[in-house]
Amino acid sequence: MKIAFTKPFHKDYQELPAHIQLRIDEQIERLLDNPRHPSLRMKKMEGRPSIWEARITGGYRMTLQIDGDTYLLRRVGPHNVLKRP
């Protein structure tokens, strides 16, 4: 699988603290290695069947779409990012 980033994801990422950015990087590596890794807790978003959410930390999430062999990372941030996936 490959990774692609949306502009909103890049913007969200740049605004986050360095320790959260490091955790995001770690979780992206896990996503590439094993999308079923327990720490990701990846699941389809309710009401948005083409968008998935994955856990970064207890309070941070990222949203993504799967398009063929590519994970398109859409948004990342505090848990409320799920309101604007």
Protein backbone atom coordinates (compact mmCIF):
# COMPACT_ATOMS: atom_id res chain seq x y z
CA MET A 1 0.00 0.00 0.00
CA LYS A 2 0.97 3.61 -0.58
CA ILE A 3 0.19 6.79 1.35
CA ALA A 4 -1.16 10.06 -0.06
CA PHE A 5 -1.97 13.19 1.92
CA THR A 6 -4.65 15.82 1.39
CA LYS A 7 -3.86 19.52 1.88
CA PRO A 8 -6.10 19.62 4.97
CA PHE A 9 -4.11 16.72 6.48
CA HIS A 10 -0.82 18.58 5.91
CA LYS A 11 -2.26 21.74 7.46
CA ASP A 12 -3.66 19.85 10.46
CA TYR A 13 -0.35 18.03 10.97
CA GLN A 14 1.73 21.22 10.92
CA GLU A 15 -0.46 22.79 13.63
CA LEU A 16 -0.01 19.90 16.09
CA PRO A 17 2.67 19.65 18.81
CA ALA A 18 5.88 17.81 17.92
CA HIS A 19 5.15 14.87 20.25
CA ILE A 20 1.79 14.30 18.52
CA GLN A 21 3.44 14.57 15.09
CA LEU A 22 5.86 11.83 16.17
CA ARG A 23 2.96 9.64 17.27
CA ILE A 24 1.19 10.26 13.93
CA ASP A 25 4.33 9.18 12.08
CA GLU A 26 4.47 6.00 14.17
CA GLN A 27 0.82 5.20 13.52
CA ILE A 28 1.23 5.77 9.77
CA GLU A 29 4.07 3.22 9.81
CA ARG A 30 1.80 0.79 11.66
CA LEU A 31 -0.95 1.41 9.12
CA LEU A 32 1.42 0.47 6.30
CA ASP A 33 2.70 -2.61 8.14
CA ASN A 34 -0.62 -3.87 9.51
CA PRO A 35 -3.88 -1.91 9.18
CA ARG A 36 -5.39 -4.25 11.77
CA HIS A 37 -2.82 -3.35 14.42
CA PRO A 38 -4.71 -3.04 17.73
CA SER A 39 -3.38 0.43 18.53
CA LEU A 40 -4.95 1.85 15.35
CA ARG A 41 -8.47 0.68 16.22
CA MET A 42 -9.31 1.33 12.57
CA LYS A 43 -13.00 1.30 11.69
CA LYS A 44 -15.42 2.72 9.15
CA MET A 45 -17.01 5.98 10.18
CA GLU A 46 -20.67 5.79 11.04
CA GLY A 47 -22.74 7.41 8.31
CA ARG A 48 -19.71 7.73 5.99
CA PRO A 49 -19.06 4.27 4.57
CA SER A 50 -16.11 5.30 2.38
CA ILE A 51 -14.20 7.05 5.20
CA TRP A 52 -12.26 5.27 7.93
CA GLU A 53 -10.96 6.55 11.24
CA ALA A 54 -7.81 5.44 13.03
CA ARG A 55 -6.55 6.22 16.51
CA ILE A 56 -3.40 8.26 17.08
CA THR A 57 -3.74 8.59 20.88
CA GLY A 58 -6.65 8.58 23.29
CA GLY A 59 -7.63 12.07 22.17
CA TYR A 60 -6.33 12.25 18.59
CA ARG A 61 -7.62 10.61 15.40
CA MET A 62 -6.97 10.59 11.69
CA THR A 63 -9.42 9.97 8.88
CA LEU A 64 -8.63 8.24 5.63
CA GLN A 65 -10.02 6.66 2.50
CA ILE A 66 -8.82 3.50 0.81
CA ASP A 67 -8.52 3.88 -2.95
CA GLY A 68 -7.10 0.76 -4.57
CA ASP A 69 -3.58 0.39 -3.20
CA THR A 70 -3.48 3.86 -1.60
CA TYR A 71 -4.43 5.19 1.81
CA LEU A 72 -5.54 8.80 1.33
CA LEU A 73 -5.04 10.54 4.67
CA ARG A 74 -7.73 13.22 4.92
CA ARG A 75 -7.62 14.89 8.36
CA VAL A 76 -5.77 14.52 11.66
CA GLY A 77 -6.26 16.13 15.04
CA PRO A 78 -8.17 16.04 18.30
CA HIS A 79 -11.07 13.63 18.49
CA ASN A 80 -13.45 16.31 17.14
CA VAL A 81 -11.71 15.98 13.73
CA LEU A 82 -14.25 13.21 13.17
CA LYS A 83 -16.93 15.89 12.82
CA ARG A 84 -15.17 17.21 9.70
CA PRO A 85 -13.61 14.11 8.10
